[in-house]
N, C-alpha and C. Protein backbone atom coordinates (compact mmCIF):
# COMPACT_ATOMS: atom_id res chain seq x y z
N MET A 1 -78.19 99.93 -0.57
CA MET A 1 -79.80 99.63 -0.35
C MET A 1 -79.75 98.66 -1.18
N ASP A 2 -81.05 97.62 -0.69
CA ASP A 2 -81.04 96.44 -1.71
C ASP A 2 -82.17 96.19 -2.73
N THR A 3 -80.83 95.77 -3.60
CA THR A 3 -81.33 96.70 -5.05
C THR A 3 -82.84 95.51 -5.89
N MET A 4 -83.05 94.49 -5.06
CA MET A 4 -84.06 94.26 -4.95
C MET A 4 -85.59 94.91 -4.76
N LYS A 5 -85.39 95.14 -3.76
CA LYS A 5 -86.14 95.58 -2.93
C LYS A 5 -86.83 97.31 -3.87
N ASN A 6 -85.28 97.65 -4.08
CA ASN A 6 -85.65 98.82 -4.99
C ASN A 6 -85.50 99.07 -6.85
N THR A 7 -85.68 98.14 -6.65
CA THR A 7 -85.80 98.09 -8.53
C THR A 7 -88.48 97.23 -8.66
N GLN A 8 -89.01 97.61 -9.63
CA GLN A 8 -90.06 97.53 -10.23
C GLN A 8 -89.05 96.02 -11.40
N ILE A 9 -90.54 95.10 -11.86
CA ILE A 9 -91.59 94.11 -12.49
C ILE A 9 -90.09 94.98 -13.48
N SER A 10 -89.35 95.73 -14.58
CA SER A 10 -88.50 95.66 -15.67
C SER A 10 -87.50 96.16 -15.21
N GLY A 11 -86.93 96.00 -13.05
CA GLY A 11 -85.24 96.18 -13.32
C GLY A 11 -84.97 97.38 -12.75
N ARG A 12 -85.53 98.20 -13.57
CA ARG A 12 -84.96 100.25 -13.25
C ARG A 12 -84.99 100.33 -11.57
N PRO A 13 -84.26 101.23 -10.90
CA PRO A 13 -84.82 102.01 -9.99
C PRO A 13 -85.96 102.46 -10.08
N ARG A 14 -86.27 102.43 -8.77
CA ARG A 14 -87.15 103.68 -8.07
C ARG A 14 -87.02 104.88 -9.48
N ASP A 15 -85.98 105.23 -8.65
CA ASP A 15 -85.34 107.10 -8.60
C ASP A 15 -85.70 106.78 -9.78
N ALA A 16 -85.63 105.92 -10.49
CA ALA A 16 -84.92 106.04 -12.75
C ALA A 16 -86.28 106.16 -12.57
N PRO A 17 -86.20 107.17 -14.74
CA PRO A 17 -87.49 108.25 -14.94
C PRO A 17 -87.73 106.89 -15.53
N GLY A 18 -89.18 107.01 -15.72
CA GLY A 18 -90.16 106.09 -16.39
C GLY A 18 -91.02 105.37 -15.63
N HIS A 19 -90.27 105.26 -13.85
CA HIS A 19 -90.28 104.59 -12.90
C HIS A 19 -91.96 104.86 -12.69
N SER A 20 -92.68 104.09 -11.67
CA SER A 20 -94.65 104.08 -11.91
C SER A 20 -95.10 103.41 -10.94
N ILE A 21 -94.44 101.73 -10.85
CA ILE A 21 -95.74 100.65 -10.02
C ILE A 21 -93.74 100.41 -9.78
N PRO A 22 -93.99 100.76 -7.54
CA PRO A 22 -93.50 99.65 -7.58
C PRO A 22 -93.91 97.88 -7.14
N VAL A 23 -92.62 97.34 -7.10
CA VAL A 23 -92.77 95.92 -7.09
C VAL A 23 -93.36 95.33 -5.27
N ASP A 24 -93.95 94.84 -5.72
CA ASP A 24 -95.12 94.05 -4.24
C ASP A 24 -94.45 92.56 -4.01
N HIS A 25 -92.69 92.84 -3.11
CA HIS A 25 -92.17 91.55 -3.31
C HIS A 25 -93.33 90.23 -3.19
N ALA A 26 -93.81 90.56 -2.11
CA ALA A 26 -94.96 89.10 -0.52
C ALA A 26 -95.79 89.45 -2.13
N ALA A 27 -96.70 90.13 -2.43
CA ALA A 27 -97.19 90.16 -3.43
C ALA A 27 -96.93 89.09 -5.28
N ARG A 28 -95.86 88.90 -5.42
CA ARG A 28 -95.11 88.25 -6.39
C ARG A 28 -94.85 87.49 -5.64
N ARG A 29 -94.53 86.81 -4.51
CA ARG A 29 -94.47 85.65 -3.73
C ARG A 29 -94.96 84.96 -3.33
N HIS A 30 -96.46 85.31 -3.45
CA HIS A 30 -98.28 84.58 -3.47
C HIS A 30 -98.53 84.29 -5.04
N SER A 31 -98.48 85.13 -5.28
CA SER A 31 -98.74 85.10 -7.20
C SER A 31 -97.50 84.07 -7.48
N VAL A 32 -96.86 83.51 -7.24
CA VAL A 32 -96.05 82.37 -7.83
C VAL A 32 -96.63 80.99 -6.81
N ALA A 33 -96.54 80.88 -5.73
CA ALA A 33 -96.34 80.08 -4.58
C ALA A 33 -98.48 79.11 -5.25
N LEU A 34 -98.82 80.20 -6.13
CA LEU A 34 -100.07 80.00 -6.27
C LEU A 34 -100.32 79.41 -7.42
N GLN A 35 -99.06 79.55 -8.36
CA GLN A 35 -99.59 79.25 -8.77
C GLN A 35 -98.85 77.82 -9.10
N PHE A 36 -98.18 76.74 -8.22
CA PHE A 36 -97.74 76.36 -8.56
C PHE A 36 -98.17 74.83 -7.00
N ALA A 37 -99.36 75.18 -6.09
CA ALA A 37 -99.50 75.44 -5.36
C ALA A 37 -101.25 74.02 -5.87
N THR A 38 -102.16 74.46 -6.79
CA THR A 38 -102.18 72.28 -7.60
C THR A 38 -101.65 71.94 -7.26
N PRO A 39 -101.15 72.48 -8.58
CA PRO A 39 -100.98 70.59 -8.79
C PRO A 39 -99.73 70.35 -8.38
N LEU A 40 -98.61 70.96 -7.24
CA LEU A 40 -98.54 70.36 -5.62
C LEU A 40 -99.18 68.96 -5.47
N ARG A 41 -100.28 69.60 -5.21
CA ARG A 41 -101.53 69.55 -3.95
C ARG A 41 -102.34 67.47 -5.09
N THR A 42 -101.67 68.21 -5.98
CA THR A 42 -102.40 67.06 -7.28
C THR A 42 -101.51 65.56 -6.93
N PHE A 43 -99.63 66.52 -6.93
CA PHE A 43 -98.88 65.68 -7.50
C PHE A 43 -98.52 65.01 -6.25
N ALA A 44 -98.93 65.36 -4.63
CA ALA A 44 -99.06 64.97 -3.50
C ALA A 44 -100.22 63.20 -3.55
N ARG A 45 -101.59 64.48 -4.12
CA ARG A 45 -102.18 63.25 -3.88
C ARG A 45 -102.11 61.98 -4.56
N GLU A 46 -101.25 61.83 -5.86
CA GLU A 46 -100.93 60.99 -6.45
C GLU A 46 -99.73 60.45 -6.17
N ILE A 47 -99.36 60.83 -5.44
CA ILE A 47 -98.16 59.90 -4.61
C ILE A 47 -98.48 59.17 -3.89
N ALA A 48 -99.64 59.28 -2.87
CA ALA A 48 -100.42 59.04 -2.19
C ALA A 48 -101.05 57.62 -2.18
N MET A 49 -101.70 57.69 -3.43
CA MET A 49 -102.36 56.88 -4.36
C MET A 49 -101.45 56.31 -4.69
N SER A 50 -100.16 55.98 -5.17
CA SER A 50 -99.64 55.34 -6.47
C SER A 50 -98.41 54.69 -5.25
N GLU A 51 -98.84 54.83 -4.47
CA GLU A 51 -97.55 53.16 -3.07
C GLU A 51 -98.34 51.66 -3.57
N HIS A 52 -97.48 51.79 -4.84
CA HIS A 52 -97.00 50.68 -5.08
C HIS A 52 -95.89 49.50 -4.99
N VAL A 53 -95.71 47.67 -5.43
CA VAL A 53 -95.50 48.04 -5.61
C VAL A 53 -94.74 47.66 -6.34
N TYR A 54 -94.05 47.28 -7.43
CA TYR A 54 -93.80 47.25 -8.04
C TYR A 54 -92.47 46.39 -8.61
N LYS A 55 -92.22 44.92 -9.98
CA LYS A 55 -90.76 44.67 -10.43
C LYS A 55 -90.56 45.41 -11.69
N LYS A 56 -90.00 44.25 -12.40
CA LYS A 56 -88.53 45.54 -12.85
C LYS A 56 -88.70 43.68 -13.72
N ILE A 57 -88.30 43.63 -14.89
CA ILE A 57 -88.34 42.72 -15.83
C ILE A 57 -87.27 43.56 -17.04
N GLU A 58 -86.79 42.81 -17.77
CA GLU A 58 -85.70 43.48 -19.15
C GLU A 58 -86.18 41.51 -19.90
N ILE A 59 -85.80 43.03 -21.30
CA ILE A 59 -86.04 42.29 -23.03
C ILE A 59 -85.14 43.05 -23.23
N THR A 60 -85.82 42.33 -24.73
CA THR A 60 -85.29 43.42 -25.83
C THR A 60 -85.83 43.07 -27.05
N GLY A 61 -86.22 44.15 -27.29
CA GLY A 61 -87.18 43.69 -28.76
C GLY A 61 -86.52 44.33 -30.32
N SER A 62 -86.82 44.20 -31.57
CA SER A 62 -86.26 44.17 -33.00
C SER A 62 -86.96 44.83 -33.94
N SER A 63 -86.65 45.90 -34.73
CA SER A 63 -87.46 46.07 -35.82
C SER A 63 -86.35 46.93 -36.77
N SER A 64 -87.11 46.17 -37.57
CA SER A 64 -86.41 47.23 -38.41
C SER A 64 -86.51 48.24 -39.33
N GLU A 65 -87.08 48.60 -38.55
CA GLU A 65 -87.90 49.87 -39.24
C GLU A 65 -87.46 51.69 -38.06
N SER A 66 -87.51 51.30 -36.71
CA SER A 66 -86.73 51.96 -35.90
C SER A 66 -86.67 51.70 -34.37
N SER A 67 -85.44 52.79 -33.82
CA SER A 67 -85.77 51.77 -32.35
C SER A 67 -86.62 52.52 -31.55
N ASP A 68 -88.08 53.08 -32.20
CA ASP A 68 -88.61 52.92 -31.31
C ASP A 68 -89.81 52.79 -31.39
N GLN A 69 -89.68 51.44 -32.76
CA GLN A 69 -90.77 50.29 -32.74
C GLN A 69 -90.69 49.65 -32.64
N ALA A 70 -88.41 48.87 -32.38
CA ALA A 70 -87.34 48.07 -31.39
C ALA A 70 -88.74 48.22 -30.18
N VAL A 71 -89.04 49.46 -29.25
CA VAL A 71 -89.57 49.67 -27.84
C VAL A 71 -91.13 48.93 -27.90
N ARG A 72 -91.11 49.91 -28.89
CA ARG A 72 -93.12 49.05 -28.87
C ARG A 72 -93.14 48.13 -29.28
N ASN A 73 -92.39 46.82 -30.15
CA ASN A 73 -92.49 45.85 -29.77
C ASN A 73 -92.57 44.85 -28.82
N ALA A 74 -91.60 44.88 -28.07
CA ALA A 74 -91.11 44.14 -26.72
C ALA A 74 -92.42 44.58 -25.85
N ILE A 75 -92.76 45.44 -25.95
CA ILE A 75 -93.32 46.45 -24.74
C ILE A 75 -95.70 45.58 -25.11
N ALA A 76 -95.36 45.32 -26.28
CA ALA A 76 -96.53 44.77 -27.43
C ALA A 76 -96.51 43.87 -26.31
N ARG A 77 -95.16 43.04 -27.01
CA ARG A 77 -95.31 41.90 -27.11
C ARG A 77 -95.00 40.84 -25.53
N ALA A 78 -94.53 41.42 -24.09
CA ALA A 78 -94.43 41.32 -23.45
C ALA A 78 -96.26 41.24 -22.84
N ALA A 79 -96.91 42.33 -22.73
CA ALA A 79 -98.66 43.06 -22.65
C ALA A 79 -98.44 41.42 -22.48
N GLU A 80 -98.88 41.32 -23.38
CA GLU A 80 -99.65 39.45 -24.12
C GLU A 80 -99.59 38.80 -22.50
N THR A 81 -98.97 38.56 -22.02
CA THR A 81 -98.51 37.86 -21.08
C THR A 81 -98.65 38.40 -19.58
N VAL A 82 -98.12 39.74 -19.56
CA VAL A 82 -98.18 40.51 -18.78
C VAL A 82 -97.96 41.32 -18.09
N LYS A 83 -99.22 41.62 -16.93
CA LYS A 83 -100.05 42.56 -16.38
C LYS A 83 -99.42 43.99 -16.08
N ASN A 84 -100.56 45.38 -15.52
CA ASN A 84 -99.99 45.89 -15.55
C ASN A 84 -99.01 47.02 -15.32
N ILE A 85 -98.27 46.55 -16.64
CA ILE A 85 -96.61 47.08 -16.78
C ILE A 85 -97.27 49.21 -17.20
N ASP A 86 -95.99 49.34 -15.60
CA ASP A 86 -96.56 50.31 -15.87
C ASP A 86 -95.46 51.17 -16.90
N TRP A 87 -94.21 51.56 -16.96
CA TRP A 87 -93.76 51.97 -17.17
C TRP A 87 -92.73 51.51 -17.95
N PHE A 88 -90.79 52.00 -18.69
CA PHE A 88 -89.95 51.30 -18.91
C PHE A 88 -89.15 52.27 -19.15
N GLU A 89 -87.92 51.40 -18.93
CA GLU A 89 -86.81 52.65 -19.13
C GLU A 89 -85.54 51.67 -20.09
N ILE A 90 -85.21 52.53 -20.32
CA ILE A 90 -84.03 51.83 -22.24
C ILE A 90 -82.78 51.72 -22.00
N VAL A 91 -82.51 50.82 -21.24
CA VAL A 91 -81.30 49.63 -21.27
C VAL A 91 -79.77 50.13 -21.68
N GLU A 92 -80.04 49.48 -23.20
CA GLU A 92 -78.80 49.45 -24.52
C GLU A 92 -80.14 48.99 -25.25
N THR A 93 -79.23 50.60 -26.60
CA THR A 93 -79.39 50.17 -27.94
C THR A 93 -78.77 50.27 -29.08
N ARG A 94 -78.68 48.50 -29.95
CA ARG A 94 -78.07 48.13 -31.19
C ARG A 94 -78.67 47.46 -32.02
N GLY A 95 -78.16 47.46 -32.96
CA GLY A 95 -78.48 47.27 -34.49
C GLY A 95 -77.49 46.13 -34.82
N GLN A 96 -78.25 45.41 -35.52
CA GLN A 96 -77.73 44.39 -36.31
C GLN A 96 -77.42 44.86 -38.07
N VAL A 97 -76.06 44.72 -38.82
CA VAL A 97 -74.98 45.20 -40.11
C VAL A 97 -75.07 44.10 -40.86
N ALA A 98 -76.20 44.09 -42.53
CA ALA A 98 -76.21 43.14 -43.34
C ALA A 98 -75.78 43.42 -44.32
N ASP A 99 -75.10 43.34 -44.29
CA ASP A 99 -74.64 44.27 -46.78
C ASP A 99 -74.43 45.78 -46.08
N LYS A 100 -73.41 45.48 -45.88
CA LYS A 100 -73.25 47.25 -45.52
C LYS A 100 -74.02 48.03 -44.84
N GLN A 101 -75.34 47.66 -44.14
CA GLN A 101 -76.97 48.03 -43.88
C GLN A 101 -76.98 47.40 -43.21
N LEU A 102 -77.93 49.24 -42.52
CA LEU A 102 -78.66 48.91 -41.16
C LEU A 102 -79.33 47.61 -40.98
N LYS A 103 -79.55 47.00 -40.68
CA LYS A 103 -80.45 45.75 -40.65
C LYS A 103 -81.93 44.80 -39.54
N PHE A 104 -81.19 45.65 -38.68
CA PHE A 104 -82.20 45.44 -37.54
C PHE A 104 -81.80 47.10 -36.32
N TRP A 105 -82.97 47.00 -36.00
CA TRP A 105 -82.62 47.96 -34.94
C TRP A 105 -82.74 46.23 -33.22
N GLN A 106 -81.63 46.88 -32.10
CA GLN A 106 -82.23 45.74 -30.97
C GLN A 106 -82.08 46.63 -30.00
N VAL A 107 -83.31 46.65 -29.19
CA VAL A 107 -82.76 47.64 -28.02
C VAL A 107 -83.51 46.54 -26.91
N THR A 108 -82.06 47.16 -26.03
CA THR A 108 -83.15 45.92 -24.56
C THR A 108 -83.52 47.17 -23.35
N VAL A 109 -84.99 47.04 -22.68
CA VAL A 109 -86.18 47.43 -21.98
C VAL A 109 -85.97 47.03 -20.51
N LYS A 110 -85.39 47.77 -19.51
CA LYS A 110 -86.04 47.46 -18.24
C LYS A 110 -88.37 47.91 -18.48
N LEU A 111 -88.54 46.27 -17.83
CA LEU A 111 -90.28 47.60 -17.51
C LEU A 111 -90.84 46.91 -16.88
N GLY A 112 -91.74 48.40 -16.11
CA GLY A 112 -91.67 48.14 -14.33
C GLY A 112 -93.28 47.18 -14.80
N PHE A 113 -93.64 46.54 -13.72
CA PHE A 113 -94.96 46.31 -13.94
C PHE A 113 -95.51 45.96 -12.60
N ARG A 114 -97.14 47.02 -12.06
CA ARG A 114 -96.95 47.27 -10.48
C ARG A 114 -97.68 45.59 -10.66
N LEU A 115 -97.10 45.23 -9.10
CA LEU A 115 -97.86 44.09 -8.31
C LEU A 115 -99.40 44.12 -7.96
N GLU A 116 -100.18 43.19 -8.12
CA GLU A 116 -101.35 43.35 -8.09
C GLU A 116 -101.23 43.07 -6.28
N ASP A 117 -102.28 43.09 -5.77
CA ASP A 117 -103.01 43.55 -3.74
C ASP A 117 -103.73 42.13 -4.21
C-alpha cells in the first residue's frame, strides 16, 4: 500500500484512530503550484527585461570603522565616475595592524556595471 496516498496531512494512516480528513494530493500539488506560479512569472519577466551586458572592475575600499564601511566607501567612490553599478562581489578582505591593533579594514570588491545601450 502506498504510504503517501494512505495518509492525511498529519501523517496518520487513514485507518488510525482520529482520522477524519483524507489528503487530496492533487489539490495539494495544485495549491503549491499556485503559491509559486506568480513569483515564477515575475522572475521570468525580470529575466527577460534584464538581458543587459555588464562589465566588471576590481577596486579596494578601506575604512577604520568596519569591513562593511570599506565596501560602502569603495562603491561610493566608484559611483562618482562609473554609471549603472548594479552589483558587487567581495574578492578579498584584509586589515592593517599597527601598534598591535586593527587600524584599517581593506576590502577588494568586483563591481558590475551595466553598459549603456
